Protein backbone atom coordinates (compact mmCIF):
# COMPACT_ATOMS: atom_id res chain seq x y z
CA MET A 1 0.89 -20.23 19.73
CA LYS A 2 -1.43 -21.52 23.12
CA ASN A 3 1.57 -21.74 25.02
CA TYR A 4 3.00 -18.53 24.06
CA ILE A 5 -0.63 -17.14 25.33
CA LEU A 6 -0.23 -18.91 28.73
CA LEU A 7 3.42 -17.61 29.43
CA ILE A 8 2.30 -14.11 29.19
CA LEU A 9 -0.97 -14.47 31.24
CA SER A 10 1.55 -16.08 33.98
CA THR A 11 3.96 -13.39 33.19
CA VAL A 12 1.31 -10.94 33.67
CA LEU A 13 0.15 -12.27 36.40
CA ILE A 14 3.08 -12.78 38.63
CA LEU A 15 4.19 -8.56 37.78
CA SER A 16 0.71 -7.72 38.91
CA SER A 17 1.58 -9.81 42.09
CA CYS A 18 4.64 -8.28 42.61
CA SER A 19 3.11 -4.88 41.91
CA THR A 20 0.82 -5.04 45.13
CA GLU A 21 3.33 -7.20 47.76
CA SER A 22 6.58 -6.06 46.66
CA LYS A 23 6.67 -3.20 49.41
CA LYS A 24 9.16 -3.98 52.75
CA GLN A 25 6.75 -5.39 55.49
CA PHE A 26 7.38 -4.08 58.85
CA GLU A 27 8.60 -6.55 61.27
CA HIS A 28 5.74 -6.47 63.62
CA ALA A 29 2.97 -5.63 61.08
CA GLY A 30 -0.50 -7.33 62.05
CA GLY A 31 -3.03 -7.97 64.85
CA THR A 32 -6.12 -6.61 65.13
CA PHE A 33 -7.05 -3.25 67.06
CA THR A 34 -11.01 -2.80 68.48
CA PHE A 35 -12.46 0.31 69.43
CA ALA A 36 -15.22 1.11 71.12
CA LEU A 37 -17.98 4.01 69.72
CA ALA A 38 -20.81 5.32 71.39
CA ASN A 39 -23.55 5.43 68.44
CA GLU A 40 -23.54 3.36 65.10
CA PRO A 41 -22.68 5.69 62.32
CA THR A 42 -25.72 7.70 60.91
CA THR A 43 -24.52 7.28 57.16
CA LEU A 44 -21.88 5.53 54.99
CA GLU A 45 -22.54 8.01 52.53
CA ALA A 46 -19.49 10.67 52.86
CA ARG A 47 -20.71 13.86 51.80
CA LYS A 48 -24.02 13.38 54.28
CA VAL A 49 -21.91 13.03 57.70
CA THR A 50 -22.69 14.97 60.23
CA ASP A 51 -21.59 13.21 63.12
CA ILE A 52 -18.31 12.23 64.57
CA TYR A 53 -19.53 8.23 64.58
CA SER A 54 -19.36 8.19 60.71
CA SER A 55 -16.35 10.25 60.46
CA ALA A 56 -14.55 7.54 62.84
CA VAL A 57 -15.47 4.58 60.24
CA ILE A 58 -15.47 6.38 56.67
CA ASN A 59 -12.11 8.44 57.41
CA GLN A 60 -9.93 4.70 57.09
CA VAL A 61 -11.57 3.65 54.32
CA LEU A 62 -12.31 6.77 52.14
CA GLU A 63 -9.64 9.93 51.46
CA GLY A 64 -9.62 13.78 50.55
CA LEU A 65 -6.95 15.39 48.75
CA VAL A 66 -5.33 16.53 51.98
CA SER A 67 -5.73 14.88 55.36
CA LEU A 68 -4.92 16.25 59.11
CA ASN A 69 -1.36 15.07 60.87
CA PRO A 70 -3.00 13.21 63.78
CA LYS A 71 0.08 14.41 65.75
CA THR A 72 0.06 17.99 64.80
CA LEU A 73 -3.18 18.52 63.18
CA GLU A 74 -1.72 20.34 60.35
CA VAL A 75 -2.87 19.66 56.63
CA GLU A 76 -1.11 17.09 55.04
CA PRO A 77 -1.14 15.96 51.40
CA CYS A 78 -3.22 12.98 50.76
CA LEU A 79 -4.96 11.93 46.99
CA ALA A 80 -3.05 15.64 46.13
CA LYS A 81 1.01 15.25 46.63
CA SER A 82 0.70 18.94 46.66
CA TRP A 83 -1.13 22.04 46.19
CA GLU A 84 -0.05 25.88 45.37
CA VAL A 85 -2.28 28.87 45.83
CA SER A 86 -2.51 31.65 43.70
CA GLU A 87 -1.35 35.35 45.10
CA ASP A 88 -5.11 36.43 45.47
CA GLY A 89 -6.11 33.09 47.13
CA LYS A 90 -8.83 32.43 44.69
CA THR A 91 -7.27 29.60 42.94
CA ILE A 92 -5.74 26.29 44.30
CA THR A 93 -4.34 23.95 42.15
CA PHE A 94 -4.18 20.24 43.37
CA ASP A 95 -1.06 17.87 41.64
CA LEU A 96 -2.63 14.55 42.06
CA ARG A 97 -0.88 11.54 43.08
CA ASP A 98 -0.35 8.99 40.15
CA ASP A 99 0.11 5.52 42.24
CA VAL A 100 -3.61 5.00 44.12
CA TYR A 101 -5.96 2.46 43.38
CA PHE A 102 -9.53 1.98 44.79
CA HIS A 103 -9.90 -1.39 46.92
CA GLU A 104 -11.18 -3.72 44.65
CA HIS A 105 -15.11 -4.66 44.22
CA GLU A 106 -16.55 -6.39 41.44
CA GLU A 107 -18.28 -3.02 40.23
CA LEU A 108 -14.60 -1.58 39.76
CA GLY A 109 -12.39 -4.76 39.37
CA SER A 110 -9.12 -5.12 40.86
CA ASP A 111 -7.14 -2.41 39.04
CA ARG A 112 -9.46 1.11 39.00
CA LYS A 113 -7.09 3.97 39.30
CA LEU A 114 -7.85 6.98 40.81
CA LYS A 115 -8.28 9.45 38.10
CA PRO A 116 -9.18 13.56 38.39
CA GLU A 117 -12.35 12.90 37.13
CA ASP A 118 -12.77 10.83 40.20
CA VAL A 119 -12.47 14.37 42.11
CA VAL A 120 -14.47 16.55 39.78
CA TYR A 121 -17.26 13.60 39.90
CA SER A 122 -17.52 13.37 43.83
CA ILE A 123 -17.83 17.32 44.19
CA GLU A 124 -20.48 17.73 41.84
CA LEU A 125 -21.92 14.67 43.41
CA ALA A 126 -21.80 16.85 46.53
CA CYS A 127 -23.62 19.66 44.89
CA THR A 128 -26.36 18.00 43.65
CA LYS A 129 -29.70 18.52 44.43
CA LYS A 130 -31.59 15.04 44.68
CA MET A 131 -35.34 14.94 44.76
CA GLY A 132 -36.78 14.27 48.60
CA GLU A 133 -33.09 14.77 49.95
CA ASP A 134 -31.36 17.52 51.75
CA PRO A 135 -28.46 19.64 50.32
CA SER A 136 -24.98 17.25 51.16
CA SER A 137 -23.16 18.47 54.34
CA ALA A 138 -20.28 18.75 51.71
CA TYR A 139 -22.58 21.22 49.59
CA THR A 140 -23.53 23.09 52.85
CA GLY A 141 -20.43 23.46 55.11
CA ILE A 142 -17.20 24.02 52.12
CA TYR A 143 -18.73 24.76 48.21
CA ARG A 144 -21.60 26.64 48.36
CA GLY A 145 -20.93 30.19 48.23
CA ILE A 146 -17.34 29.40 48.26
CA LEU A 147 -16.31 27.22 45.29
CA GLU A 148 -17.23 29.14 41.89
CA GLY A 149 -20.63 27.80 40.27
CA ALA A 150 -21.43 25.58 43.01
CA GLU A 151 -24.61 27.33 43.42
CA ALA A 152 -25.42 27.46 39.74
CA PHE A 153 -24.81 23.96 39.29
CA TYR A 154 -27.06 22.99 42.29
CA ASN A 155 -30.17 24.79 41.02
CA GLY A 156 -29.74 22.84 37.72
CA GLU A 157 -28.61 26.55 36.15
CA SER A 158 -25.40 24.87 34.94
CA GLU A 159 -24.41 21.30 33.80
CA SER A 160 -21.11 21.26 35.42
CA ILE A 161 -19.22 23.96 38.20
CA SER A 162 -16.84 26.43 36.17
CA GLY A 163 -15.02 26.56 39.17
CA LEU A 164 -13.24 23.07 38.62
CA GLU A 165 -11.09 22.03 35.52
CA ILE A 166 -8.79 19.42 35.27
CA GLU A 167 -5.34 20.24 33.41
CA GLY A 168 -3.80 16.90 33.22
CA ASN A 169 -3.13 15.31 36.20
CA LYS A 170 -4.10 18.52 38.07
CA ILE A 171 -7.16 19.52 39.76
CA VAL A 172 -7.84 23.17 39.44
CA MET A 173 -10.59 25.23 42.12
CA LYS A 174 -11.32 28.38 41.61
CA LEU A 175 -12.98 30.45 44.69
CA VAL A 176 -15.44 32.92 44.84
CA SER A 177 -13.29 35.14 47.50
CA ARG A 178 -10.28 34.24 48.95
CA ASP A 179 -11.39 31.60 51.88
CA VAL A 180 -8.40 30.54 53.88
CA ASN A 181 -9.62 27.95 55.59
CA PHE A 182 -10.81 26.54 52.08
CA ILE A 183 -7.89 23.75 52.14
CA ASN A 184 -8.30 22.87 56.20
CA LYS A 185 -12.00 22.15 55.15
CA LEU A 186 -11.48 19.82 52.35
CA THR A 187 -9.70 17.33 55.42
CA GLN A 188 -13.39 16.76 56.18
CA THR A 189 -14.59 13.35 55.75
CA THR A 190 -17.71 15.04 53.78
CA ALA A 191 -14.60 16.09 51.23
CA SER A 192 -13.87 12.50 50.70
CA VAL A 193 -13.17 10.97 46.56
CA VAL A 194 -15.86 8.40 45.51
CA ALA A 195 -15.96 6.33 42.49
CA LYS A 196 -18.40 7.23 40.22
CA GLU A 197 -19.10 3.74 38.87
CA LEU A 198 -20.50 2.67 42.49
CA VAL A 199 -22.76 5.77 43.21
CA GLU A 200 -23.80 5.13 39.67
CA ALA A 201 -24.77 1.51 40.59
CA GLY A 202 -26.79 2.55 44.00
CA LEU A 203 -23.69 1.23 45.71
CA GLU A 204 -22.29 3.62 47.34
CA THR A 205 -22.88 2.24 50.72
CA ASP A 206 -20.50 -0.38 50.04
CA LEU A 207 -17.87 1.97 51.25
CA VAL A 208 -14.61 1.88 48.75
CA GLY A 209 -12.57 4.18 48.65
CA THR A 210 -8.56 4.50 48.14
CA GLY A 211 -7.84 4.46 51.93
CA PRO A 212 -5.56 2.23 54.29
CA PHE A 213 -8.45 0.15 55.28
CA VAL A 214 -11.19 -1.73 53.28
CA PHE A 215 -14.55 -1.60 54.62
CA ASP A 216 -15.18 -5.70 55.04
CA LYS A 217 -18.77 -6.17 56.71
CA TYR A 218 -21.31 -4.40 59.09
CA THR A 219 -22.42 -7.61 61.51
CA GLU A 220 -25.29 -7.10 64.17
CA ASN A 221 -26.84 -9.75 66.60
CA ASP A 222 -29.04 -9.45 69.69
CA GLN A 223 -26.07 -8.13 71.64
CA ARG A 224 -23.49 -6.24 69.78
CA VAL A 225 -23.37 -4.51 66.10
CA ASN A 226 -19.33 -4.48 65.08
CA ILE A 227 -17.85 -2.93 61.76
CA ILE A 228 -15.15 -4.32 60.58
CA LEU A 229 -12.39 -3.32 58.50
CA ARG A 230 -9.36 -5.09 56.93
CA LYS A 231 -5.92 -3.70 55.70
CA ASN A 232 -5.34 -2.72 52.30
CA LYS A 233 -2.96 -4.24 50.83
CA ARG A 234 -2.63 -1.79 47.99
CA TYR A 235 -2.03 1.26 49.53
CA TYR A 236 0.11 3.45 48.35
CA GLY A 237 1.08 4.87 52.00
CA THR A 238 4.65 3.73 53.66
CA ASP A 239 6.54 4.38 56.61
CA GLU A 240 9.94 6.33 56.32
CA GLU A 241 12.09 3.40 56.38
CA GLY A 242 9.90 2.17 53.03
CA ASN A 243 7.37 -0.32 54.98
CA ALA A 244 4.06 -0.86 53.56
CA LEU A 245 1.17 0.73 55.33
CA PRO A 246 -0.99 -0.08 56.92
CA TYR A 247 0.84 -2.17 59.67
CA LEU A 248 -2.56 -3.72 61.20
CA ASP A 249 -4.37 -6.49 59.98
CA SER A 250 -7.92 -5.31 60.66
CA LEU A 251 -9.76 -2.55 62.50
CA VAL A 252 -13.11 -3.70 64.67
CA TYR A 253 -15.61 -1.17 65.56
CA VAL A 254 -17.65 -2.08 68.52
CA ILE A 255 -20.73 0.20 68.98
CA GLU A 256 -21.59 0.07 72.48
CA GLY A 257 -23.36 3.23 73.98
CA ARG A 258 -23.06 2.24 77.82
CA SER A 259 -19.88 3.75 79.36
CA LEU A 260 -19.81 1.23 81.91
CA ARG A 261 -20.26 -1.50 79.69
CA GLN A 262 -17.14 -0.10 77.81
CA LEU A 263 -15.36 0.12 80.83
CA GLU A 264 -15.63 -3.69 81.42
CA MET A 265 -14.73 -4.69 77.99
CA PHE A 266 -11.52 -2.33 78.26
CA GLU A 267 -10.99 -4.14 81.31
CA ASN A 268 -11.61 -7.90 80.12
CA ASP A 269 -8.89 -6.41 77.22
CA GLU A 270 -12.37 -6.71 74.78
CA ILE A 271 -11.22 -3.48 73.37
CA GLN A 272 -7.71 -1.95 73.53
CA LEU A 273 -8.47 1.98 74.57
CA ILE A 274 -11.39 3.51 76.20
CA GLU A 275 -12.16 6.94 76.19
CA GLY A 276 -14.24 9.05 78.31
CA LEU A 277 -14.19 7.21 81.39
CA PRO A 278 -17.86 6.80 83.10
CA PRO A 279 -17.60 9.98 85.88
CA SER A 280 -18.77 7.59 88.70
CA ARG A 281 -15.71 4.92 88.15
CA ILE A 282 -12.73 7.47 87.45
CA THR A 283 -11.52 7.09 90.92
CA SER A 284 -11.85 3.48 91.20
CA MET A 285 -10.36 2.86 87.86
CA LEU A 286 -7.32 5.04 87.89
CA GLN A 287 -6.41 3.94 91.67
CA GLY A 288 -7.29 0.25 91.69
CA ARG A 289 -5.12 -0.04 88.58
CA ILE A 290 -2.29 2.15 89.90
CA ASP A 291 0.62 -0.51 89.95
CA ASP A 292 -0.73 -1.05 85.66
CA PHE A 293 0.04 2.76 85.40
CA ASN A 294 3.39 3.18 87.22
CA SER A 295 4.78 -0.66 86.09
CA THR A 296 7.92 -0.19 84.18
CA PRO A 297 6.87 -0.94 81.31
CA PRO A 298 3.27 0.05 82.32
CA LYS A 299 0.60 -2.02 81.05
CA LEU A 300 -1.86 0.89 80.78
CA VAL A 301 -0.92 4.28 79.97
CA LEU A 302 -3.30 7.34 80.68
CA ARG A 303 -3.60 10.88 78.33
CA ARG A 304 -5.81 13.45 80.04
CA LYS A 305 -6.38 16.38 78.03
CA PRO A 306 -8.78 19.09 76.88
CA LEU A 307 -10.39 18.38 73.45
CA LEU A 308 -11.51 20.99 71.05
CA ALA A 309 -14.95 20.15 71.60
CA THR A 310 -17.81 22.08 73.47
CA GLN A 311 -21.03 20.64 74.66
CA TYR A 312 -24.01 22.65 74.77
CA TYR A 313 -28.21 23.01 74.00
CA HIS A 314 -29.53 24.91 71.79
CA PHE A 315 -33.00 26.68 71.02
CA ASN A 316 -35.54 26.22 68.51
CA LEU A 317 -35.74 29.86 67.09
CA LEU A 318 -38.59 29.19 65.08
CA LYS A 319 -40.66 28.66 68.48
CA GLU A 320 -42.59 31.76 69.32
CA GLU A 321 -41.07 31.94 73.07
CA PHE A 322 -37.92 31.84 72.24
CA LYS A 323 -37.87 34.72 69.73
CA ASP A 324 -37.45 36.57 72.38
CA PRO A 325 -33.78 37.35 73.47
CA ARG A 326 -34.92 37.64 77.40
CA VAL A 327 -36.32 34.60 77.69
CA ARG A 328 -32.89 32.70 75.91
CA LYS A 329 -30.51 34.71 78.85
CA ALA A 330 -33.08 33.92 81.48
CA ILE A 331 -32.63 30.15 80.75
CA ASN A 332 -28.83 30.63 80.53
CA TYR A 333 -28.66 32.13 83.76
CA ALA A 334 -30.81 29.68 85.19
CA VAL A 335 -28.42 27.42 84.66
CA ASN A 336 -25.45 25.90 87.00
CA ARG A 337 -22.82 24.90 84.85
CA ASP A 338 -20.41 24.16 87.92
CA GLU A 339 -22.95 22.12 89.20
CA ILE A 340 -23.08 19.65 86.23
CA VAL A 341 -19.97 19.86 86.17
CA ARG A 342 -19.19 18.58 89.69
CA SER A 343 -21.78 16.14 90.27
CA ILE A 344 -22.79 14.72 87.35
CA LEU A 345 -19.03 14.94 85.30
CA ASN A 346 -17.63 14.19 88.23
CA ASN A 347 -15.24 17.44 87.13
CA GLN A 348 -14.40 15.57 83.99
CA ALA A 349 -14.57 18.72 81.68
CA TYR A 350 -12.07 21.35 80.73
CA GLY A 351 -14.35 23.68 82.21
CA SER A 352 -18.08 24.70 82.84
CA GLY A 353 -19.33 26.85 79.98
CA ASP A 354 -19.22 29.94 80.98
CA ALA A 355 -17.69 31.66 77.58
CA GLY A 356 -18.73 31.22 74.39
CA ILE A 357 -19.14 28.08 71.95
CA VAL A 358 -15.70 28.39 71.06
CA PRO A 359 -13.52 26.34 73.96
CA PRO A 360 -11.72 29.16 75.72
CA ALA A 361 -7.60 29.27 75.45
CA ALA A 362 -8.37 26.57 72.26
CA PHE A 363 -6.12 28.83 70.00
CA ASN A 364 -3.62 31.13 71.08
CA GLY A 365 -4.20 34.58 70.08
CA TYR A 366 -8.19 34.53 70.27
CA ASP A 367 -9.65 36.84 72.69
CA SER A 368 -11.53 34.22 74.76
CA LYS A 369 -11.94 36.76 77.61
CA SER A 370 -14.02 39.05 75.61
CA VAL A 371 -16.55 36.66 74.87
CA LYS A 372 -16.38 35.46 78.09
CA LYS A 373 -17.67 39.05 79.54
CA VAL A 374 -20.82 38.56 78.01
CA SER A 375 -21.67 34.86 78.40
CA TYR A 376 -23.40 33.52 80.89
CA THR A 377 -22.84 32.29 84.60
CA TYR A 378 -25.44 31.19 87.55
CA ASN A 379 -27.23 34.23 88.48
CA PRO A 380 -31.04 33.03 89.28
CA ILE A 381 -31.85 36.45 90.85
CA LYS A 382 -31.30 37.85 87.03
CA ALA A 383 -32.46 35.00 85.55
CA ARG A 384 -36.25 35.55 87.02
CA GLU A 385 -36.00 39.14 86.58
CA LEU A 386 -35.70 38.90 82.68
CA LEU A 387 -37.93 36.09 82.40
CA ALA A 388 -40.59 38.57 84.32
CA GLU A 389 -39.41 41.30 82.02
CA ALA A 390 -40.69 39.10 78.95
CA GLY A 391 -44.02 38.40 80.33
CA TYR A 392 -43.62 35.43 82.40
CA PRO A 393 -43.08 36.29 86.13
CA ASP A 394 -42.39 33.10 88.28
CA GLY A 395 -42.95 31.11 84.83
CA GLU A 396 -46.32 32.08 85.07
CA GLY A 397 -48.09 31.36 81.30
CA PHE A 398 -44.90 29.74 80.08
CA PRO A 399 -45.55 27.00 78.29
CA PRO A 400 -43.87 23.56 79.41
CA ILE A 401 -40.26 22.83 77.79
CA ASN A 402 -39.61 19.49 75.31
CA LEU A 403 -35.74 18.58 75.51
CA LYS A 404 -34.23 16.39 73.41
CA PHE A 405 -31.17 14.14 73.79
CA ASN A 406 -29.63 11.00 72.64
CA LEU A 407 -29.62 8.52 75.34
CA GLY A 408 -26.71 6.75 76.22
CA THR A 409 -23.60 7.87 78.55
CA ILE A 410 -24.18 11.04 80.77
CA HIS A 411 -26.72 12.79 78.62
CA SER A 412 -29.88 11.50 80.61
CA ALA A 413 -28.36 12.61 83.75
CA VAL A 414 -27.54 16.04 82.60
CA ALA A 415 -31.13 16.53 81.37
CA ASP A 416 -32.62 15.75 84.54
CA GLU A 417 -30.23 18.08 86.33
CA PHE A 418 -31.35 20.71 83.88
CA ALA A 419 -34.43 19.87 84.34
CA LYS A 420 -34.48 20.36 88.02
CA GLN A 421 -32.65 23.65 87.62
CA MET A 422 -35.74 24.94 85.61
CA LYS A 423 -38.13 24.15 88.16
CA LYS A 424 -36.18 25.48 91.51
CA THR A 425 -35.16 28.92 89.32
CA LEU A 426 -37.62 29.35 86.61
CA ASN A 427 -40.58 27.50 87.87
CA ILE A 428 -40.42 26.52 84.17
CA ASN A 429 -41.17 22.60 83.63
CA VAL A 430 -39.10 20.59 81.19
CA ASN A 431 -40.43 17.51 79.72
CA LEU A 432 -37.55 15.31 78.94
CA ASP A 433 -37.56 12.67 75.58
CA GLY A 434 -34.54 10.81 74.96
CA MET A 435 -33.87 8.95 71.90
CA PRO A 436 -31.56 7.48 69.43
CA PHE A 437 -28.86 9.59 68.51
CA GLN A 438 -30.08 9.17 64.95
CA ASN A 439 -33.60 10.71 65.44
CA LYS A 440 -32.50 12.96 67.94
CA LEU A 441 -30.33 14.40 64.85
CA GLU A 442 -33.17 14.47 62.47
CA ASP A 443 -35.39 15.96 64.87
CA GLN A 444 -33.03 18.95 65.35
CA MET A 445 -32.08 19.43 61.55
CA SER A 446 -35.80 19.58 61.30
CA ALA A 447 -36.89 21.69 64.37
CA ASN A 448 -38.97 19.19 65.83
CA GLY A 449 -38.46 20.14 69.56
CA ASP A 450 -37.97 22.95 71.80
CA ILE A 451 -34.35 22.77 72.91
CA PHE A 452 -31.63 20.12 71.56
CA ARG A 453 -28.76 18.49 73.56
CA THR A 454 -25.99 18.82 71.27
CA SER A 455 -22.08 18.98 70.88
CA TRP A 456 -19.35 20.04 68.27
CA TYR A 457 -15.95 18.67 67.78
CA ALA A 458 -13.57 20.86 65.27
CA ASP A 459 -13.88 19.55 62.19
CA TYR A 460 -10.58 21.75 61.48
CA TYR A 461 -8.03 23.87 63.39
CA SER A 462 -10.03 27.28 63.65
CA PRO A 463 -12.68 29.28 65.77
CA GLU A 464 -14.33 28.82 62.47
CA SER A 465 -15.21 25.61 62.54
CA PHE A 466 -17.18 26.35 66.00
CA LEU A 467 -18.96 29.37 64.56
CA MET A 468 -20.04 27.74 61.03
CA ASN A 469 -22.88 26.71 63.76
CA ALA A 470 -24.54 30.10 63.65
CA TYR A 471 -24.17 30.96 60.34
CA GLY A 472 -26.98 32.81 58.54
CA GLY A 473 -25.77 32.16 55.26
CA ILE A 474 -26.23 28.41 55.57
CA VAL A 475 -29.96 28.31 57.12
CA PRO A 476 -33.12 27.48 54.54
CA GLU A 477 -35.17 30.08 53.30
CA ASP A 478 -37.87 27.22 53.90
CA LYS A 479 -38.99 26.87 57.55
CA ASN A 480 -39.88 22.89 56.07
CA GLU A 481 -36.29 22.19 55.09
CA PRO A 482 -33.57 20.39 57.18
CA SER A 483 -30.92 22.65 58.53
CA LEU A 484 -28.12 20.53 58.45
CA MET A 485 -25.52 23.09 60.20
CA ASN A 486 -26.83 25.84 61.88
CA HIS A 487 -29.58 23.88 63.92
CA ALA A 488 -30.72 26.85 66.02
CA ARG A 489 -31.67 28.24 62.77
CA TYR A 490 -30.01 31.65 64.23
CA VAL A 491 -29.81 34.59 61.50
CA ASN A 492 -27.70 37.77 62.28
CA GLU A 493 -26.42 40.18 59.57
CA LYS A 494 -24.13 41.57 62.14
CA PHE A 495 -22.89 38.28 63.26
CA ASP A 496 -22.76 37.39 59.39
CA GLU A 497 -20.82 40.23 58.50
CA ALA A 498 -18.09 39.43 61.21
CA PHE A 499 -17.96 35.96 60.79
CA GLU A 500 -17.44 36.75 56.74
CA LYS A 501 -14.36 39.15 57.41
CA GLY A 502 -12.95 36.41 59.20
CA GLN A 503 -13.47 33.78 56.46
CA SER A 504 -11.20 35.80 53.95
CA SER A 505 -9.00 37.62 56.20
CA THR A 506 -5.15 36.61 55.33
CA ASP A 507 -3.53 37.65 58.96
CA ILE A 508 -4.11 35.36 61.51
CA VAL A 509 -4.64 38.75 64.15
CA ASP A 510 -7.36 40.35 62.29
CA ARG A 511 -8.91 36.86 61.47
CA TYR A 512 -9.60 36.13 64.81
CA LYS A 513 -10.33 39.54 65.53
CA HIS A 514 -13.64 39.53 63.43
CA PHE A 515 -14.23 35.99 64.94
CA ALA A 516 -14.32 37.24 68.50
CA GLU A 517 -16.43 39.73 67.13
CA ALA A 518 -18.66 37.57 65.52
CA GLU A 519 -18.88 35.08 68.94
CA ARG A 520 -19.68 38.58 71.02
CA ILE A 521 -22.50 39.20 68.93
CA LEU A 522 -23.50 35.58 69.00
CA MET A 523 -23.05 35.10 73.12
CA GLU A 524 -25.02 38.29 73.88
CA ASP A 525 -28.40 37.04 71.61
CA ALA A 526 -27.72 33.77 73.20
CA PRO A 527 -29.04 30.99 70.84
CA PHE A 528 -27.21 28.34 73.03
CA ILE A 529 -27.03 27.16 76.38
CA ILE A 530 -23.11 26.57 76.80
CA LEU A 531 -22.70 23.51 79.14
CA TRP A 532 -19.10 22.61 79.79
CA TYR A 533 -15.77 22.10 77.45
CA GLU A 534 -14.80 18.74 77.02
CA GLU A 535 -11.72 17.16 78.38
CA THR A 536 -11.04 13.28 77.89
CA ILE A 537 -9.45 10.96 79.92
CA LYS A 538 -8.30 7.95 77.72
CA VAL A 539 -6.86 5.05 78.90
CA ALA A 540 -5.06 2.22 76.40
CA TYR A 541 -2.97 -0.37 76.66
CA SER A 542 0.99 0.31 76.51
CA ARG A 543 1.54 -2.15 73.39
CA VAL A 544 -0.75 0.10 71.23
CA ARG A 545 1.95 2.19 69.82
CA ASN A 546 1.55 5.21 67.41
CA LEU A 547 -1.77 5.74 68.30
CA GLU A 548 -1.61 9.10 68.46
CA LEU A 549 -4.16 11.38 70.81
CA ASN A 550 -5.24 14.71 69.79
CA GLU A 551 -7.31 17.95 70.94
CA MET A 552 -9.83 17.05 67.83
CA ASN A 553 -10.60 13.14 68.36
CA TYR A 554 -9.41 12.55 65.11
CA TYR A 555 -7.74 8.83 65.11
CA SER A 556 -5.51 7.48 61.81
CA PHE A 557 -4.71 3.74 62.54
CA LYS A 558 -2.71 3.32 59.37
CA ASP A 559 0.87 3.31 61.43
CA VAL A 560 -0.44 1.92 64.76
CA TYR A 561 0.64 -1.29 65.59
CA ILE A 562 0.77 -4.02 68.26
CA LYS A 563 3.84 -4.65 70.32
CA ASP A 564 4.49 -5.61 74.07
CA TRP A 565 7.29 -3.28 75.41
CA THR A 566 10.21 -4.48 77.49
CA LYS A 567 12.02 -2.54 80.37
CA LYS A 568 14.55 -1.54 78.33
CA GLU A 569 12.64 -0.40 75.46
CA TRP A 570 10.08 1.82 77.67
CA GLU A 571 13.33 3.14 79.44
CA ASP A 572 14.95 4.38 76.54
CA LYS A 573 11.61 5.96 75.40
CA MET A 574 11.44 8.15 78.94
CA LYS A 575 14.60 9.23 77.96
CA LYS A 576 14.01 10.81 74.61
């Protein structure tokens, strides 16, 4: 009997081993990719993410029902293998994969399979009001007002979300009204699926998911913070030839806010990709290593492209002096954006911020030209006239402005130039208040300051992703409650009406028409100071293959691998 039991156990172990290791392995699998982030993640709880640094890490570990294709930026299946949308657009049915396992963890074991209940729990968690916590970014930006019953659940008026149902291995979501971008919104980090057991055990920040990489450790010493992810050997994904994904053994994120230090690390091959070269070193880097770019095969490859990203300042509209649109317009006209791009950025920008918050020409068919007509360029005469009309001739009686920005990269230099321009043109004093990124983020959400440096990278491919930052429907009624997305606390009924029409329109021409109308209203009101539109110069070692560099700075590393090129390989590649 004892031998029989041992035989059964041995068989189970062999079968288990085969189930996880039976996939064909890619011949060039292995290795480590190291990448620098300018700031540490502000959170490891996916539903709370509001910054690109947290997303960059979490996106490799956790997954949602759908994801973005890093090459086309189109929505593609992830935990859901397919979905259907009803004719009225208000019911979406997701069919889940049945071969997905959570990463191994002592609280879950090694065979914890993904269940439909995990999806429902993750959404309910995002829509749960917790004492002493702000509403989650997922609730604010995705579910509130859109998913049927989400608000009633958040307010404790129901024990479940009426718009969520499980049918076998399917998840049915019912929307209050059609939202043509709802599935796109589900590609965001905040819509990731987590395991109930870990959350209830207080271990959510252990970062356990279903993705291609497993969170290994977070190391910190006097000089450097590293975040290390390792290969998920049980990942369900395969490439077109049936090879197991991911290829890499590990990913390492190095936290380094100094752009010159990042460049030094890149040149020493300590990191394999650098994005956003220090403006002062662009020419010397590109010209000084010309042979590395032009050889066959090259050692380095360069990608220069615009991003779906806008750099801007926003006013705290709770401040009395900023409630007058003439003041906001005066400050907008007093900014010499071209000078900032030329002298501070060394022209490393797609363009100066002379249009709206939506990057011009980013979306085909979107009417950026009409928005530009009501936007701002440097006009010191008009700036002084408007400030005088508002009751502050030559800046007399206007209080000093507290400008908050995060330290690192070029933000200090930009803030200094902004302060000089305000003094020169409007005779307004600007006090510079630089701080760590996390502190700045907390202050701007709590309206603790006057003007804040911020930026926005598209979360999904639509003008809506930018305009959401001005939607009054997400501004808390209580002024003491943090505003998670609309940091300026801008509220305009006409903007909201046009924005909501754009959200629900099924025709893209009509949708873009309403979004452009909303943006024109926004720019005429001037709650933002648009500075420039992002462009990035990315340089990578050519041996890093399949690394897609897209307009949203969205990275997927599951099919990236490391292999030096032969001359013939490169020549064949160039012929294609």
